Amino acid sequence: MADRIKSIDLLSAEKRRDDGKYYAYRIHVVFESGKKVHVWRRYKQIDGLRDTMVRLLGATTQLPRLTSKIYLKRSSVRQVAEHRMPKLLRFFGQLLAFQENIAASKSLQFFLLPTAGDISRAQLPDPEDVIMFGREKDEAVMARALYDYEAVHEDDLTIHAGDIVRIISTSEGWALGELNGEQGNFPEGYVQIITEEEDEEDEKDTLTSPTPQSGPRPSNAIDELLQTERDYIQGLIDVRDTFFPRLRAIITAPEAKTFFNNWIELIPAHQALLQALEAAGADVGQVLERELPLLGGPYAKYCAGIPAAQALYEAKLQKR
């Protein structure tokens, strides 16, 4: 009978430079026989293990998707490694529950089998730049909600503009966060990571502005729809007037066109929709039925350019 794995713990991550700049995660494995081993694995190797497990266990298996790219603040390799560690720890914890599946159990044990490199590394002292991971040292990633999001599914989290949310993990455009003791999912683009500089500014604002700056919440669904549309338009305008000029100073005109495509066209389209909604009063159904299809053209064009924008973004990150 195979020696089953009893526990898997993620102890630390250390910087490697033999194949580019990356961090290798130190994994502590305890078997039911009492045997203990340390192995070091790269993030892309762990992501490959997940793909293997999904193929063996079926696509419906509830395993968290491990995002291949994460952007935090100015995104250093170390920041990304630290941000990924709690999610990786939960991932390995979930894998232990699937050891009843013989094929999955064998794949997991093979993945955690110490290599010659692991054995040699275990005999060396830790480098100075090793990241030590522990619950008490796990620095929370905080974000400020930019827009309201009402929970649609049971595992969603309702957030409102201005809320400060603790980010637990991100995956495929969605974030898992915690607010007021509740956890759930919401669109990643609805929040912005808070930097240390912003924390300091917030403290100054708290001293000088004791009263809330936000207006009253809408009292009914129609008012909320109108307010949401106004906020969305303002967001589009803010990007055009603030973010465009700053980014344009560091990228070329063709690159700016690739990133933003027809962003400018979205503003008058939404302004027309808002004007029609405000004039409709309580009868917004007919307005939405008439006006929403008109947004299809601009958004079809915008969405068609997203793959090229993503490719350019990835290329820029590789050159950092």
C-alpha atoms as a PDB file:
ATOM      1  CA  MET A   1       0.000   0.000   0.000  1.00  0.00           C
ATOM      2  CA  ALA A   2       1.350   3.417  -0.989  1.00  0.00           C
ATOM      3  CA  ASP A   3       2.495   5.775   1.742  1.00  0.00           C
ATOM      4  CA  ARG A   4      -0.252   8.418   1.701  1.00  0.00           C
ATOM      5  CA  ILE A   5       0.492  12.068   2.283  1.00  0.00           C
ATOM      6  CA  LYS A   6      -0.657  13.359   5.668  1.00  0.00           C
ATOM      7  CA  SER A   7       0.034  17.073   5.296  1.00  0.00           C
ATOM      8  CA  ILE A   8       1.505  19.628   2.905  1.00  0.00           C
ATOM      9  CA  ASP A   9       2.751  22.990   4.138  1.00  0.00           C
ATOM     10  CA  LEU A  10       4.201  25.926   2.253  1.00  0.00           C
ATOM     11  CA  LEU A  11       7.106  27.231   4.306  1.00  0.00           C
ATOM     12  CA  SER A  12       8.833  29.859   2.203  1.00  0.00           C
ATOM     13  CA  ALA A  13       9.951  30.988  -1.229  1.00  0.00           C
ATOM     14  CA  GLU A  14      13.457  31.803  -2.381  1.00  0.00           C
ATOM     15  CA  LYS A  15      14.762  33.811  -5.291  1.00  0.00           C
ATOM     16  CA  ARG A  16      16.303  31.918  -8.206  1.00  0.00           C
ATOM     17  CA  ARG A  17      18.156  33.337 -11.199  1.00  0.00           C
ATOM     18  CA  ASP A  18      19.226  30.244 -13.135  1.00  0.00           C
ATOM     19  CA  ASP A  19      16.419  30.620 -15.698  1.00  0.00           C
ATOM     20  CA  GLY A  20      15.360  34.224 -15.458  1.00  0.00           C
ATOM     21  CA  LYS A  21      14.193  35.777 -12.200  1.00  0.00           C
ATOM     22  CA  TYR A  22      11.611  33.781 -10.223  1.00  0.00           C
ATOM     23  CA  TYR A  23      10.831  32.327  -6.795  1.00  0.00           C
ATOM     24  CA  ALA A  24      10.850  28.625  -5.944  1.00  0.00           C
ATOM     25  CA  TYR A  25       8.420  27.612  -3.194  1.00  0.00           C
ATOM     26  CA  ARG A  26       9.682  25.415  -0.353  1.00  0.00           C
ATOM     27  CA  ILE A  27       7.107  22.696   0.354  1.00  0.00           C
ATOM     28  CA  HIS A  28       7.168  20.578   3.531  1.00  0.00           C
ATOM     29  CA  VAL A  29       5.546  17.157   3.026  1.00  0.00           C
ATOM     30  CA  VAL A  30       4.681  14.726   5.843  1.00  0.00           C
ATOM     31  CA  PHE A  31       3.659  11.146   5.016  1.00  0.00           C
ATOM     32  CA  GLU A  32       1.473   8.895   7.160  1.00  0.00           C
ATOM     33  CA  SER A  33       4.532   6.702   7.833  1.00  0.00           C
ATOM     34  CA  GLY A  34       6.181   9.676   9.521  1.00  0.00           C
ATOM     35  CA  LYS A  35       8.610  10.408   6.689  1.00  0.00           C
ATOM     36  CA  LYS A  36       9.200  14.126   6.089  1.00  0.00           C
ATOM     37  CA  VAL A  37      10.688  15.747   2.991  1.00  0.00           C
ATOM     38  CA  HIS A  38      11.316  19.240   1.632  1.00  0.00           C
ATOM     39  CA  VAL A  39      10.923  19.971  -2.067  1.00  0.00           C
ATOM     40  CA  TRP A  40      11.152  23.198  -4.097  1.00  0.00           C
ATOM     41  CA  ARG A  41       8.752  23.857  -6.965  1.00  0.00           C
ATOM     42  CA  ARG A  42       8.170  26.781  -9.302  1.00  0.00           C
ATOM     43  CA  TYR A  43       4.737  28.319  -9.677  1.00  0.00           C
ATOM     44  CA  LYS A  44       4.372  27.145 -13.260  1.00  0.00           C
ATOM     45  CA  GLN A  45       5.095  23.583 -12.125  1.00  0.00           C
ATOM     46  CA  ILE A  46       2.314  23.814  -9.532  1.00  0.00           C
ATOM     47  CA  ASP A  47      -0.028  25.248 -12.159  1.00  0.00           C
ATOM     48  CA  GLY A  48       0.838  22.266 -14.376  1.00  0.00           C
ATOM     49  CA  LEU A  49      -0.028  19.945 -11.482  1.00  0.00           C
ATOM     50  CA  ARG A  50      -3.437  21.567 -11.260  1.00  0.00           C
ATOM     51  CA  ASP A  51      -4.077  20.962 -14.970  1.00  0.00           C
ATOM     52  CA  THR A  52      -3.100  17.322 -14.511  1.00  0.00           C
ATOM     53  CA  MET A  53      -5.461  16.934 -11.549  1.00  0.00           C
ATOM     54  CA  VAL A  54      -8.355  18.459 -13.464  1.00  0.00           C
ATOM     55  CA  ARG A  55      -7.785  15.984 -16.310  1.00  0.00           C
ATOM     56  CA  LEU A  56      -7.692  13.060 -13.863  1.00  0.00           C
ATOM     57  CA  LEU A  57     -10.577  14.143 -11.637  1.00  0.00           C
ATOM     58  CA  GLY A  58     -12.808  15.795 -14.237  1.00  0.00           C
ATOM     59  CA  ALA A  59     -13.505  19.380 -15.204  1.00  0.00           C
ATOM     60  CA  THR A  60     -16.220  19.715 -12.534  1.00  0.00           C
ATOM     61  CA  THR A  61     -13.719  19.212  -9.712  1.00  0.00           C
ATOM     62  CA  GLN A  62     -13.666  22.263  -7.458  1.00  0.00           C
ATOM     63  CA  LEU A  63     -10.020  23.266  -7.598  1.00  0.00           C
ATOM     64  CA  PRO A  64      -9.035  26.953  -7.521  1.00  0.00           C
ATOM     65  CA  ARG A  65      -7.587  28.303 -10.759  1.00  0.00           C
ATOM     66  CA  LEU A  66      -4.066  29.557 -10.253  1.00  0.00           C
ATOM     67  CA  THR A  67      -3.665  32.753 -12.241  1.00  0.00           C
ATOM     68  CA  SER A  68      -0.539  32.894 -14.401  1.00  0.00           C
ATOM     69  CA  LYS A  69      -0.162  36.675 -14.122  1.00  0.00           C
ATOM     70  CA  ILE A  70      -0.817  39.006 -11.201  1.00  0.00           C
ATOM     71  CA  TYR A  71      -0.208  42.760 -11.225  1.00  0.00           C
ATOM     72  CA  LEU A  72       0.210  44.471  -7.851  1.00  0.00           C
ATOM     73  CA  LYS A  73       1.238  48.104  -7.524  1.00  0.00           C
ATOM     74  CA  ARG A  74       4.392  48.291  -9.660  1.00  0.00           C
ATOM     75  CA  SER A  75       4.536  44.502  -9.560  1.00  0.00           C
ATOM     76  CA  SER A  76       7.822  43.037  -8.425  1.00  0.00           C
ATOM     77  CA  VAL A  77       8.491  39.319  -8.567  1.00  0.00           C
ATOM     78  CA  ARG A  78       8.686  39.240  -4.770  1.00  0.00           C
ATOM     79  CA  GLN A  79       5.289  40.931  -4.323  1.00  0.00           C
ATOM     80  CA  VAL A  80       3.689  38.458  -6.700  1.00  0.00           C
ATOM     81  CA  ALA A  81       5.293  35.510  -4.883  1.00  0.00           C
ATOM     82  CA  GLU A  82       4.036  36.745  -1.519  1.00  0.00           C
ATOM     83  CA  HIS A  83       0.537  37.342  -2.873  1.00  0.00           C
ATOM     84  CA  ARG A  84       0.309  33.832  -4.333  1.00  0.00           C
ATOM     85  CA  MET A  85       1.434  31.890  -1.264  1.00  0.00           C
ATOM     86  CA  PRO A  86      -1.840  31.780   0.741  1.00  0.00           C
ATOM     87  CA  LYS A  87      -3.747  30.572  -2.315  1.00  0.00           C
ATOM     88  CA  LEU A  88      -1.146  27.901  -3.047  1.00  0.00           C
ATOM     89  CA  LEU A  89      -1.402  26.691   0.534  1.00  0.00           C
ATOM     90  CA  ARG A  90      -5.185  26.266   0.208  1.00  0.00           C
ATOM     91  CA  PHE A  91      -4.694  24.523  -3.126  1.00  0.00           C
ATOM     92  CA  PHE A  92      -2.403  21.864  -1.657  1.00  0.00           C
ATOM     93  CA  GLY A  93      -4.784  21.433   1.254  1.00  0.00           C
ATOM     94  CA  GLN A  94      -7.606  20.637  -1.173  1.00  0.00           C
ATOM     95  CA  LEU A  95      -5.486  18.108  -3.050  1.00  0.00           C
ATOM     96  CA  LEU A  96      -5.166  15.962   0.079  1.00  0.00           C
ATOM     97  CA  ALA A  97      -8.894  15.264  -0.079  1.00  0.00           C
ATOM     98  CA  PHE A  98      -8.563  13.590  -3.501  1.00  0.00           C
ATOM     99  CA  GLN A  99      -6.110  10.862  -2.500  1.00  0.00           C
ATOM    100  CA  GLU A 100      -8.884   8.250  -2.688  1.00  0.00           C
ATOM    101  CA  ASN A 101      -8.504   8.602  -6.438  1.00  0.00           C
ATOM    102  CA  ILE A 102      -5.537   6.295  -7.137  1.00  0.00           C
ATOM    103  CA  ALA A 103      -4.375   8.124 -10.274  1.00  0.00           C
ATOM    104  CA  ALA A 104      -4.591  11.525  -8.561  1.00  0.00           C
ATOM    105  CA  SER A 105      -2.796  10.209  -5.482  1.00  0.00           C
ATOM    106  CA  LYS A 106       0.063   8.802  -7.554  1.00  0.00           C
ATOM    107  CA  SER A 107       0.414  12.042  -9.530  1.00  0.00           C
ATOM    108  CA  LEU A 108       0.541  14.092  -6.345  1.00  0.00           C
ATOM    109  CA  GLN A 109       3.149  11.799  -4.764  1.00  0.00           C
ATOM    110  CA  PHE A 110       5.266  11.839  -7.931  1.00  0.00           C
ATOM    111  CA  PHE A 111       5.107  15.650  -8.020  1.00  0.00           C
ATOM    112  CA  LEU A 112       6.304  15.849  -4.399  1.00  0.00           C
ATOM    113  CA  LEU A 113       8.999  13.195  -4.749  1.00  0.00           C
ATOM    114  CA  PRO A 114      12.355  14.828  -3.884  1.00  0.00           C
ATOM    115  CA  THR A 115      14.670  15.236  -6.859  1.00  0.00           C
ATOM    116  CA  ALA A 116      18.457  15.199  -6.670  1.00  0.00           C
ATOM    117  CA  GLY A 117      18.327  18.984  -6.676  1.00  0.00           C
ATOM    118  CA  ASP A 118      15.887  18.981  -3.741  1.00  0.00           C
ATOM    119  CA  ILE A 119      18.120  16.684  -1.727  1.00  0.00           C
ATOM    120  CA  SER A 120      21.174  18.862  -2.373  1.00  0.00           C
ATOM    121  CA  ARG A 121      19.282  22.074  -1.617  1.00  0.00           C
ATOM    122  CA  ALA A 122      17.967  20.702   1.705  1.00  0.00           C
ATOM    123  CA  GLN A 123      21.552  20.484   2.969  1.00  0.00           C
ATOM    124  CA  LEU A 124      22.260  24.191   2.324  1.00  0.00           C
ATOM    125  CA  PRO A 125      21.355  27.200   4.519  1.00  0.00           C
ATOM    126  CA  ASP A 126      18.550  29.505   3.392  1.00  0.00           C
ATOM    127  CA  PRO A 127      19.650  32.484   1.260  1.00  0.00           C
ATOM    128  CA  GLU A 128      19.281  35.951   2.737  1.00  0.00           C
ATOM    129  CA  ASP A 129      16.392  36.903   0.441  1.00  0.00           C
ATOM    130  CA  VAL A 130      14.164  33.953   1.347  1.00  0.00           C
ATOM    131  CA  ILE A 131      10.509  34.838   2.009  1.00  0.00           C
ATOM    132  CA  MET A 132       9.336  33.245   5.252  1.00  0.00           C
ATOM    133  CA  PHE A 133       5.608  32.609   5.235  1.00  0.00           C
ATOM    134  CA  GLY A 134       3.426  32.421   8.320  1.00  0.00           C
ATOM    135  CA  ARG A 135      -0.143  33.377   9.187  1.00  0.00           C
ATOM    136  CA  GLU A 136       1.032  36.170  11.462  1.00  0.00           C
ATOM    137  CA  LYS A 137       3.387  37.469   8.757  1.00  0.00           C
ATOM    138  CA  ASP A 138       0.904  37.215   5.897  1.00  0.00           C
ATOM    139  CA  GLU A 139       0.558  40.835   4.893  1.00  0.00           C
ATOM    140  CA  ALA A 140      -2.989  41.576   3.802  1.00  0.00           C
ATOM    141  CA  VAL A 141      -3.597  43.026   0.354  1.00  0.00           C
ATOM    142  CA  MET A 142      -6.210  45.745   0.707  1.00  0.00           C
ATOM    143  CA  ALA A 143      -8.233  47.357  -2.058  1.00  0.00           C
ATOM    144  CA  ARG A 144     -10.710  50.214  -2.352  1.00  0.00           C
ATOM    145  CA  ALA A 145     -13.994  49.584  -4.173  1.00  0.00           C
ATOM    146  CA  LEU A 146     -14.384  51.885  -7.170  1.00  0.00           C
ATOM    147  CA  TYR A 147     -17.964  50.890  -8.033  1.00  0.00           C
ATOM    148  CA  ASP A 148     -20.968  49.234  -6.428  1.00  0.00           C
ATOM    149  CA  TYR A 149     -21.454  45.508  -7.032  1.00  0.00           C
ATOM    150  CA  GLU A 150     -24.570  43.686  -5.847  1.00  0.00           C
ATOM    151  CA  ALA A 151     -24.164  39.951  -5.203  1.00  0.00           C
ATOM    152  CA  VAL A 152     -25.788  37.830  -7.905  1.00  0.00           C
ATOM    153  CA  HIS A 153     -24.848  34.339  -6.701  1.00  0.00           C
ATOM    154  CA  GLU A 154     -24.631  32.891  -3.209  1.00  0.00           C
ATOM    155  CA  ASP A 155     -20.832  33.000  -3.222  1.00  0.00           C
ATOM    156  CA  ASP A 156     -20.677  36.648  -4.387  1.00  0.00           C
ATOM    157  CA  LEU A 157     -19.831  39.598  -2.128  1.00  0.00           C
ATOM    158  CA  THR A 158     -21.751  42.869  -2.239  1.00  0.00           C
ATOM    159  CA  ILE A 159     -19.454  45.896  -2.185  1.00  0.00           C
ATOM    160  CA  HIS A 160     -20.077  49.619  -2.482  1.00  0.00           C
ATOM    161  CA  ALA A 161     -17.852  52.370  -3.841  1.00  0.00           C
ATOM    162  CA  GLY A 162     -15.432  53.427  -1.123  1.00  0.00           C
ATOM    163  CA  ASP A 163     -15.488  50.131   0.784  1.00  0.00           C
ATOM    164  CA  ILE A 164     -12.065  48.809   1.876  1.00  0.00           C
ATOM    165  CA  VAL A 165     -11.873  45.108   1.009  1.00  0.00           C
ATOM    166  CA  ARG A 166      -9.214  42.539   1.920  1.00  0.00           C
ATOM    167  CA  ILE A 167      -8.187  40.655  -1.229  1.00  0.00           C
ATOM    168  CA  ILE A 168      -7.714  36.936  -0.652  1.00  0.00           C
ATOM    169  CA  SER A 169      -7.063  35.820  -4.234  1.00  0.00           C
ATOM    170  CA  THR A 170      -7.718  36.707  -7.880  1.00  0.00           C
ATOM    171  CA  SER A 171      -8.594  34.497 -10.833  1.00  0.00           C
ATOM    172  CA  GLU A 172      -9.707  35.179 -14.419  1.00  0.00           C
ATOM    173  CA  GLY A 173     -11.029  38.688 -13.795  1.00  0.00           C
ATOM    174  CA  TRP A 174     -12.679  37.863 -10.462  1.00  0.00           C
ATOM    175  CA  ALA A 175     -11.465  38.512  -6.933  1.00  0.00           C
ATOM    176  CA  LEU A 176     -12.200  36.685  -3.698  1.00  0.00           C
ATOM    177  CA  GLY A 177     -12.372  39.208  -0.896  1.00  0.00           C
ATOM    178  CA  GLU A 178     -13.496  39.811   2.662  1.00  0.00           C
ATOM    179  CA  LEU A 179     -15.592  42.713   3.951  1.00  0.00           C
ATOM    180  CA  ASN A 180     -17.089  43.049   7.430  1.00  0.00           C
ATOM    181  CA  GLY A 181     -16.382  39.393   8.185  1.00  0.00           C
ATOM    182  CA  GLU A 182     -18.054  38.086   5.000  1.00  0.00           C
ATOM    183  CA  GLN A 183     -16.205  36.528   2.058  1.00  0.00           C
ATOM    184  CA  GLY A 184     -17.259  36.303  -1.565  1.00  0.00           C
ATOM    185  CA  ASN A 185     -16.445  36.987  -5.200  1.00  0.00           C
ATOM    186  CA  PHE A 186     -16.744  40.209  -7.201  1.00  0.00           C
ATOM    187  CA  PRO A 187     -15.260  41.589 -10.462  1.00  0.00           C
ATOM    188  CA  GLU A 188     -11.568  42.351 -10.012  1.00  0.00           C
ATOM    189  CA  GLY A 189     -11.890  45.571 -12.012  1.00  0.00           C
ATOM    190  CA  TYR A 190     -14.326  46.991  -9.451  1.00  0.00           C
ATOM    191  CA  VAL A 191     -11.526  47.565  -6.910  1.00  0.00           C
ATOM    192  CA  GLN A 192      -8.094  49.174  -6.847  1.00  0.00           C
ATOM    193  CA  ILE A 193      -5.179  47.906  -4.759  1.00  0.00           C
ATOM    194  CA  ILE A 194      -4.233  50.407  -2.044  1.00  0.00           C
ATOM    195  CA  THR A 195      -0.554  51.372  -2.035  1.00  0.00           C
ATOM    196  CA  GLU A 196       1.432  52.549   0.983  1.00  0.00           C
ATOM    197  CA  GLU A 197       1.364  56.078  -0.418  1.00  0.00           C
ATOM    198  CA  GLU A 198      -2.437  55.975  -0.615  1.00  0.00           C
ATOM    199  CA  ASP A 199      -2.609  54.737   2.993  1.00  0.00           C
ATOM    200  CA  GLU A 200      -0.674  57.803   4.101  1.00  0.00           C
ATOM    201  CA  GLU A 201      -2.944  60.112   2.106  1.00  0.00           C
ATOM    202  CA  ASP A 202      -6.010  58.430   3.610  1.00  0.00           C
ATOM    203  CA  GLU A 203      -4.693  59.164   7.107  1.00  0.00           C
ATOM    204  CA  LYS A 204      -4.282  62.838   6.193  1.00  0.00           C
ATOM    205  CA  ASP A 205      -7.777  62.942   4.684  1.00  0.00           C
ATOM    206  CA  THR A 206      -9.235  61.396   7.837  1.00  0.00           C
ATOM    207  CA  LEU A 207      -7.750  64.220   9.925  1.00  0.00           C
ATOM    208  CA  THR A 208      -8.910  67.007   7.627  1.00  0.00           C
ATOM    209  CA  SER A 209     -12.219  65.590   6.373  1.00  0.00           C
ATOM    210  CA  PRO A 210     -14.205  64.007   9.215  1.00  0.00           C
ATOM    211  CA  THR A 211     -17.496  63.963   7.313  1.00  0.00           C
ATOM    212  CA  PRO A 212     -18.303  61.419   4.577  1.00  0.00           C
ATOM    213  CA  GLN A 213     -17.823  62.644   1.031  1.00  0.00           C
ATOM    214  CA  SER A 214     -20.256  60.290  -0.693  1.00  0.00           C
ATOM    215  CA  GLY A 215     -23.870  61.245  -1.324  1.00  0.00           C
ATOM    216  CA  PRO A 216     -27.001  59.415  -0.128  1.00  0.00           C
ATOM    217  CA  ARG A 217     -27.659  55.944  -1.483  1.00  0.00           C
ATOM    218  CA  PRO A 218     -30.433  55.591  -4.099  1.00  0.00           C
ATOM    219  CA  SER A 219     -33.873  54.933  -2.605  1.00  0.00           C
ATOM    220  CA  ASN A 220     -35.242  52.713  -5.392  1.00  0.00           C
ATOM    221  CA  ALA A 221     -34.141  50.551  -8.328  1.00  0.00           C
ATOM    222  CA  ILE A 222     -34.615  53.258 -10.972  1.00  0.00           C
ATOM    223  CA  ASP A 223     -32.600  55.820  -9.028  1.00  0.00           C
ATOM    224  CA  GLU A 224     -29.898  53.201  -8.482  1.00  0.00           C
ATOM    225  CA  LEU A 225     -29.828  52.429 -12.214  1.00  0.00           C
ATOM    226  CA  LEU A 226     -29.441  56.126 -13.034  1.00  0.00           C
ATOM    227  CA  GLN A 227     -26.746  56.645 -10.405  1.00  0.00           C
ATOM    228  CA  THR A 228     -24.840  53.578 -11.592  1.00  0.00           C
ATOM    229  CA  GLU A 229     -24.933  54.874 -15.172  1.00  0.00           C
ATOM    230  CA  ARG A 230     -23.742  58.326 -14.064  1.00  0.00           C
ATOM    231  CA  ASP A 231     -20.881  56.765 -12.084  1.00  0.00           C
ATOM    232  CA  TYR A 232     -19.929  54.569 -15.041  1.00  0.00           C
ATOM    233  CA  ILE A 233     -19.831  57.559 -17.392  1.00  0.00           C
ATOM    234  CA  GLN A 234     -17.719  59.491 -14.894  1.00  0.00           C
ATOM    235  CA  GLY A 235     -15.331  56.547 -14.727  1.00  0.00           C
ATOM    236  CA  LEU A 236     -14.994  56.541 -18.510  1.00  0.00           C
ATOM    237  CA  ILE A 237     -14.320  60.274 -18.483  1.00  0.00           C
ATOM    238  CA  ASP A 238     -11.787  60.025 -15.648  1.00  0.00           C
ATOM    239  CA  VAL A 239      -9.820  57.438 -17.596  1.00  0.00           C
ATOM    240  CA  ARG A 240      -9.906  59.640 -20.697  1.00  0.00           C
ATOM    241  CA  ASP A 241      -8.884  62.845 -18.896  1.00  0.00           C
ATOM    242  CA  THR A 242      -6.497  61.490 -16.259  1.00  0.00           C
ATOM    243  CA  PHE A 243      -5.156  58.062 -17.173  1.00  0.00           C
ATOM    244  CA  PHE A 244      -4.836  58.601 -20.934  1.00  0.00           C
ATOM    245  CA  PRO A 245      -2.426  61.568 -20.679  1.00  0.00           C
ATOM    246  CA  ARG A 246      -0.238  59.864 -18.064  1.00  0.00           C
ATOM    247  CA  LEU A 247       0.074  56.634 -19.998  1.00  0.00           C
ATOM    248  CA  ARG A 248       0.528  58.460 -23.285  1.00  0.00           C
ATOM    249  CA  ALA A 249       3.720  59.980 -21.849  1.00  0.00           C
ATOM    250  CA  ILE A 250       5.385  56.541 -21.671  1.00  0.00           C
ATOM    251  CA  ILE A 251       3.936  54.667 -24.669  1.00  0.00           C
ATOM    252  CA  THR A 252       3.651  55.384 -28.376  1.00  0.00           C
ATOM    253  CA  ALA A 253       0.483  56.519 -30.146  1.00  0.00           C
ATOM    254  CA  PRO A 254      -0.048  53.096 -31.843  1.00  0.00           C
ATOM    255  CA  GLU A 255       0.357  51.384 -28.476  1.00  0.00           C
ATOM    256  CA  ALA A 256      -2.168  53.744 -26.905  1.00  0.00           C
ATOM    257  CA  LYS A 257      -4.609  52.908 -29.700  1.00  0.00           C
ATOM    258  CA  THR A 258      -4.085  49.188 -29.045  1.00  0.00           C
ATOM    259  CA  PHE A 259      -4.679  49.583 -25.315  1.00  0.00           C
ATOM    260  CA  PHE A 260      -7.763  51.816 -25.470  1.00  0.00           C
ATOM    261  CA  ASN A 261      -9.174  51.083 -28.910  1.00  0.00           C
ATOM    262  CA  ASN A 262     -12.468  53.008 -29.242  1.00  0.00           C
ATOM    263  CA  TRP A 263     -12.800  53.954 -25.566  1.00  0.00           C
ATOM    264  CA  ILE A 264     -13.722  57.531 -26.530  1.00  0.00           C
ATOM    265  CA  GLU A 265     -16.770  56.281 -28.484  1.00  0.00           C
ATOM    266  CA  LEU A 266     -18.216  54.645 -25.371  1.00  0.00           C
ATOM    267  CA  ILE A 267     -18.718  57.985 -23.577  1.00  0.00           C
ATOM    268  CA  PRO A 268     -21.283  59.613 -25.940  1.00  0.00           C
ATOM    269  CA  ALA A 269     -23.041  56.257 -26.335  1.00  0.00           C
ATOM    270  CA  HIS A 270     -23.608  56.017 -22.567  1.00  0.00           C
ATOM    271  CA  GLN A 271     -24.448  59.713 -22.287  1.00  0.00           C
ATOM    272  CA  ALA A 272     -27.235  59.202 -24.823  1.00  0.00           C
ATOM    273  CA  LEU A 273     -28.512  56.219 -22.838  1.00  0.00           C
ATOM    274  CA  LEU A 274     -28.474  58.201 -19.585  1.00  0.00           C
ATOM    275  CA  GLN A 275     -30.307  61.127 -21.176  1.00  0.00           C
ATOM    276  CA  ALA A 276     -33.029  58.799 -22.465  1.00  0.00           C
ATOM    277  CA  LEU A 277     -33.350  57.073 -19.071  1.00  0.00           C
ATOM    278  CA  GLU A 278     -33.654  60.374 -17.211  1.00  0.00           C
ATOM    279  CA  ALA A 279     -36.418  61.487 -19.577  1.00  0.00           C
ATOM    280  CA  ALA A 280     -38.308  58.197 -19.302  1.00  0.00           C
ATOM    281  CA  GLY A 281     -39.285  58.484 -15.641  1.00  0.00           C
ATOM    282  CA  ALA A 282     -40.673  55.197 -14.392  1.00  0.00           C
ATOM    283  CA  ASP A 283     -40.997  53.694 -17.878  1.00  0.00           C
ATOM    284  CA  VAL A 284     -37.386  52.616 -18.328  1.00  0.00           C
ATOM    285  CA  GLY A 285     -38.146  49.213 -19.852  1.00  0.00           C
ATOM    286  CA  GLN A 286     -38.892  50.535 -23.331  1.00  0.00           C
ATOM    287  CA  VAL A 287     -35.859  52.818 -23.186  1.00  0.00           C
ATOM    288  CA  LEU A 288     -33.546  49.937 -22.323  1.00  0.00           C
ATOM    289  CA  GLU A 289     -35.089  47.786 -25.036  1.00  0.00           C
ATOM    290  CA  ARG A 290     -34.507  50.553 -27.579  1.00  0.00           C
ATOM    291  CA  GLU A 291     -31.136  51.925 -26.435  1.00  0.00           C
ATOM    292  CA  LEU A 292     -29.133  48.899 -25.260  1.00  0.00           C
ATOM    293  CA  PRO A 293     -28.796  47.352 -28.753  1.00  0.00           C
ATOM    294  CA  LEU A 294     -27.190  50.635 -29.849  1.00  0.00           C
ATOM    295  CA  LEU A 295     -24.307  49.913 -27.459  1.00  0.00           C
ATOM    296  CA  GLY A 296     -23.621  46.617 -29.208  1.00  0.00           C
ATOM    297  CA  GLY A 297     -21.580  48.146 -32.024  1.00  0.00           C
ATOM    298  CA  PRO A 298     -19.164  50.182 -29.877  1.00  0.00           C
ATOM    299  CA  TYR A 299     -18.679  47.352 -27.385  1.00  0.00           C
ATOM    300  CA  ALA A 300     -18.236  44.723 -30.080  1.00  0.00           C
ATOM    301  CA  LYS A 301     -15.405  46.826 -31.482  1.00  0.00           C
ATOM    302  CA  TYR A 302     -13.915  47.404 -28.036  1.00  0.00           C
ATOM    303  CA  CYS A 303     -14.057  43.732 -27.030  1.00  0.00           C
ATOM    304  CA  ALA A 304     -12.564  42.638 -30.351  1.00  0.00           C
ATOM    305  CA  GLY A 305      -9.440  44.618 -29.470  1.00  0.00           C
ATOM    306  CA  ILE A 306      -8.967  43.126 -26.001  1.00  0.00           C
ATOM    307  CA  PRO A 307      -6.765  40.166 -27.119  1.00  0.00           C
ATOM    308  CA  ALA A 308      -4.328  42.544 -28.824  1.00  0.00           C
ATOM    309  CA  ALA A 309      -4.283  44.798 -25.739  1.00  0.00           C
ATOM    310  CA  GLN A 310      -3.609  41.810 -23.497  1.00  0.00           C
ATOM    311  CA  ALA A 311      -0.775  40.620 -25.738  1.00  0.00           C
ATOM    312  CA  LEU A 312       0.814  44.076 -25.705  1.00  0.00           C
ATOM    313  CA  TYR A 313       0.430  44.265 -21.913  1.00  0.00           C
ATOM    314  CA  GLU A 314       2.146  40.883 -21.490  1.00  0.00           C
ATOM    315  CA  ALA A 315       4.951  41.985 -23.790  1.00  0.00           C
ATOM    316  CA  LYS A 316       5.450  45.169 -21.751  1.00  0.00           C
ATOM    317  CA  LEU A 317       5.608  43.180 -18.519  1.00  0.00           C
ATOM    318  CA  GLN A 318       8.257  40.852 -19.969  1.00  0.00           C
ATOM    319  CA  LYS A 319      10.459  43.859 -20.782  1.00  0.00           C
ATOM    320  CA  ARG A 320      10.266  45.320 -17.263  1.00  0.00           C
END
